[in-house]
């Protein structure tokens, strides 16, 4: 079983398990607008951006295959998350106006 270190705490993961599922199971909170465990990784909203071994990546699209280190609350992923929330909100607003018209 690969070991996943999330914000300094170690957790076990199954090989092939999605990182976002490990994060959720551990009780860590990260934004996740388009992810649902039964649907799988849609990878369209970018709100679940985390740092994995020094690189920004989507937690929903990352399958665990070996030991990794994950940071969920870092400065470099915040702008990416905020931008994604902004784009999502703008799109939802536009959709509402189109449907309501």
C-alpha atoms as a PDB file:
ATOM      1  CA  UNK A   1       0.000   0.000   0.000  1.00  0.00           C
ATOM      2  CA  UNK A   2       1.434   3.369  -0.982  1.00  0.00           C
ATOM      3  CA  UNK A   3       1.851   5.947   1.757  1.00  0.00           C
ATOM      4  CA  UNK A   4       0.377   9.393   1.177  1.00  0.00           C
ATOM      5  CA  UNK A   5       1.594  12.288   3.313  1.00  0.00           C
ATOM      6  CA  UNK A   6      -1.048  15.016   3.374  1.00  0.00           C
ATOM      7  CA  UNK A   7      -0.126  18.278   5.082  1.00  0.00           C
ATOM      8  CA  UNK A   8       2.416  16.440   7.239  1.00  0.00           C
ATOM      9  CA  UNK A   9       0.237  13.463   8.274  1.00  0.00           C
ATOM     10  CA  UNK A  10       0.706   9.985   6.777  1.00  0.00           C
ATOM     11  CA  UNK A  11      -2.147   7.854   5.436  1.00  0.00           C
ATOM     12  CA  UNK A  12      -2.346   4.546   3.596  1.00  0.00           C
ATOM     13  CA  UNK A  13      -3.900   4.347   0.138  1.00  0.00           C
ATOM     14  CA  UNK A  14      -4.771   1.565  -2.246  1.00  0.00           C
ATOM     15  CA  UNK A  15      -2.772   1.483  -5.467  1.00  0.00           C
ATOM     16  CA  UNK A  16      -4.881   3.206  -8.131  1.00  0.00           C
ATOM     17  CA  UNK A  17      -7.046   5.049  -5.598  1.00  0.00           C
ATOM     18  CA  UNK A  18      -7.802   8.645  -6.485  1.00  0.00           C
ATOM     19  CA  UNK A  19      -6.014  11.231  -4.395  1.00  0.00           C
ATOM     20  CA  UNK A  20      -9.233  13.159  -3.835  1.00  0.00           C
ATOM     21  CA  UNK A  21     -10.802  10.054  -2.257  1.00  0.00           C
ATOM     22  CA  UNK A  22      -7.858   9.698   0.136  1.00  0.00           C
ATOM     23  CA  UNK A  23      -8.087  13.405   1.034  1.00  0.00           C
ATOM     24  CA  UNK A  24     -11.835  13.105   1.674  1.00  0.00           C
ATOM     25  CA  UNK A  25     -11.423   9.924   3.726  1.00  0.00           C
ATOM     26  CA  UNK A  26      -8.828  11.669   5.912  1.00  0.00           C
ATOM     27  CA  UNK A  27     -11.219  14.505   6.666  1.00  0.00           C
ATOM     28  CA  UNK A  28      -9.195  17.182   4.890  1.00  0.00           C
ATOM     29  CA  UNK A  29     -11.289  19.846   3.222  1.00  0.00           C
ATOM     30  CA  UNK A  30     -10.525  20.968  -0.309  1.00  0.00           C
ATOM     31  CA  UNK A  31     -12.908  22.482  -2.860  1.00  0.00           C
ATOM     32  CA  UNK A  32     -14.383  20.005  -5.342  1.00  0.00           C
ATOM     33  CA  UNK A  33     -17.106  21.290  -7.587  1.00  0.00           C
ATOM     34  CA  UNK A  34     -17.234  18.698 -10.378  1.00  0.00           C
ATOM     35  CA  UNK A  35     -16.154  15.540  -8.518  1.00  0.00           C
ATOM     36  CA  UNK A  36     -18.450  12.772  -7.318  1.00  0.00           C
ATOM     37  CA  UNK A  37     -17.087   9.295  -6.435  1.00  0.00           C
ATOM     38  CA  UNK A  38     -19.698   7.535  -8.590  1.00  0.00           C
ATOM     39  CA  UNK A  39     -18.951   9.679 -11.642  1.00  0.00           C
ATOM     40  CA  UNK A  40     -15.176   9.656 -11.426  1.00  0.00           C
ATOM     41  CA  UNK A  41     -12.801  12.468 -12.322  1.00  0.00           C
ATOM     42  CA  UNK A  42     -14.462  14.879 -14.742  1.00  0.00           C
ATOM     43  CA  UNK A  43     -11.486  17.275 -14.436  1.00  0.00           C
ATOM     44  CA  UNK A  44     -13.248  20.399 -15.643  1.00  0.00           C
ATOM     45  CA  UNK A  45     -13.382  22.819 -12.716  1.00  0.00           C
ATOM     46  CA  UNK A  46      -9.805  22.816 -11.317  1.00  0.00           C
ATOM     47  CA  UNK A  47     -11.044  23.636  -7.814  1.00  0.00           C
ATOM     48  CA  UNK A  48      -9.300  20.596  -6.284  1.00  0.00           C
ATOM     49  CA  UNK A  49      -5.805  21.792  -7.225  1.00  0.00           C
ATOM     50  CA  UNK A  50      -3.194  20.598  -4.708  1.00  0.00           C
ATOM     51  CA  UNK A  51       0.589  20.367  -4.704  1.00  0.00           C
ATOM     52  CA  UNK A  52       1.912  16.832  -5.214  1.00  0.00           C
ATOM     53  CA  UNK A  53       5.656  16.420  -4.820  1.00  0.00           C
ATOM     54  CA  UNK A  54       6.185  20.072  -5.696  1.00  0.00           C
ATOM     55  CA  UNK A  55       3.852  20.277  -8.720  1.00  0.00           C
ATOM     56  CA  UNK A  56       0.306  21.616  -8.919  1.00  0.00           C
ATOM     57  CA  UNK A  57      -2.186  18.966 -10.016  1.00  0.00           C
ATOM     58  CA  UNK A  58      -5.868  18.081  -9.802  1.00  0.00           C
ATOM     59  CA  UNK A  59      -6.572  15.795  -6.844  1.00  0.00           C
ATOM     60  CA  UNK A  60      -9.497  14.216  -8.719  1.00  0.00           C
ATOM     61  CA  UNK A  61      -7.314  13.162 -11.642  1.00  0.00           C
ATOM     62  CA  UNK A  62      -4.347  11.831  -9.655  1.00  0.00           C
ATOM     63  CA  UNK A  63      -4.216   8.067  -9.118  1.00  0.00           C
ATOM     64  CA  UNK A  64      -1.946   6.878  -6.321  1.00  0.00           C
ATOM     65  CA  UNK A  65       0.754   4.494  -7.538  1.00  0.00           C
ATOM     66  CA  UNK A  66       3.611   5.194  -5.139  1.00  0.00           C
ATOM     67  CA  UNK A  67       4.396   7.230  -2.029  1.00  0.00           C
ATOM     68  CA  UNK A  68       3.636  10.928  -2.507  1.00  0.00           C
ATOM     69  CA  UNK A  69       3.648  14.137  -0.486  1.00  0.00           C
ATOM     70  CA  UNK A  70       0.602  16.385  -0.807  1.00  0.00           C
ATOM     71  CA  UNK A  71       0.072  19.950   0.353  1.00  0.00           C
ATOM     72  CA  UNK A  72      -3.512  21.188   0.314  1.00  0.00           C
ATOM     73  CA  UNK A  73      -3.118  24.612   1.906  1.00  0.00           C
ATOM     74  CA  UNK A  74      -0.277  26.392   0.169  1.00  0.00           C
ATOM     75  CA  UNK A  75       0.080  29.784  -1.408  1.00  0.00           C
ATOM     76  CA  UNK A  76       0.625  28.548  -4.957  1.00  0.00           C
ATOM     77  CA  UNK A  77      -2.642  26.629  -5.274  1.00  0.00           C
ATOM     78  CA  UNK A  78      -4.876  29.387  -3.860  1.00  0.00           C
ATOM     79  CA  UNK A  79      -4.811  31.629  -6.982  1.00  0.00           C
ATOM     80  CA  UNK A  80      -5.638  28.620  -9.186  1.00  0.00           C
ATOM     81  CA  UNK A  81      -8.549  27.649  -6.915  1.00  0.00           C
ATOM     82  CA  UNK A  82      -9.862  31.225  -6.729  1.00  0.00           C
ATOM     83  CA  UNK A  83      -9.677  31.607 -10.516  1.00  0.00           C
ATOM     84  CA  UNK A  84     -11.557  28.317 -10.972  1.00  0.00           C
ATOM     85  CA  UNK A  85     -14.269  29.415  -8.537  1.00  0.00           C
ATOM     86  CA  UNK A  86     -14.558  32.743 -10.375  1.00  0.00           C
ATOM     87  CA  UNK A  87     -14.898  31.064 -13.780  1.00  0.00           C
ATOM     88  CA  UNK A  88     -17.390  28.550 -12.411  1.00  0.00           C
ATOM     89  CA  UNK A  89     -19.502  31.282 -10.793  1.00  0.00           C
ATOM     90  CA  UNK A  90     -19.456  33.376 -13.957  1.00  0.00           C
ATOM     91  CA  UNK A  91     -20.540  30.388 -16.044  1.00  0.00           C
ATOM     92  CA  UNK A  92     -23.303  29.473 -13.605  1.00  0.00           C
ATOM     93  CA  UNK A  93     -24.553  33.055 -13.680  1.00  0.00           C
ATOM     94  CA  UNK A  94     -24.561  33.085 -17.482  1.00  0.00           C
ATOM     95  CA  UNK A  95     -26.401  29.745 -17.582  1.00  0.00           C
ATOM     96  CA  UNK A  96     -29.004  31.065 -15.141  1.00  0.00           C
ATOM     97  CA  UNK A  97     -29.618  34.141 -17.299  1.00  0.00           C
ATOM     98  CA  UNK A  98     -29.935  32.051 -20.474  1.00  0.00           C
ATOM     99  CA  UNK A  99     -32.320  29.515 -18.874  1.00  0.00           C
ATOM    100  CA  UNK A 100     -34.363  32.175 -17.073  1.00  0.00           C
ATOM    101  CA  UNK A 101     -34.833  34.247 -20.234  1.00  0.00           C
END
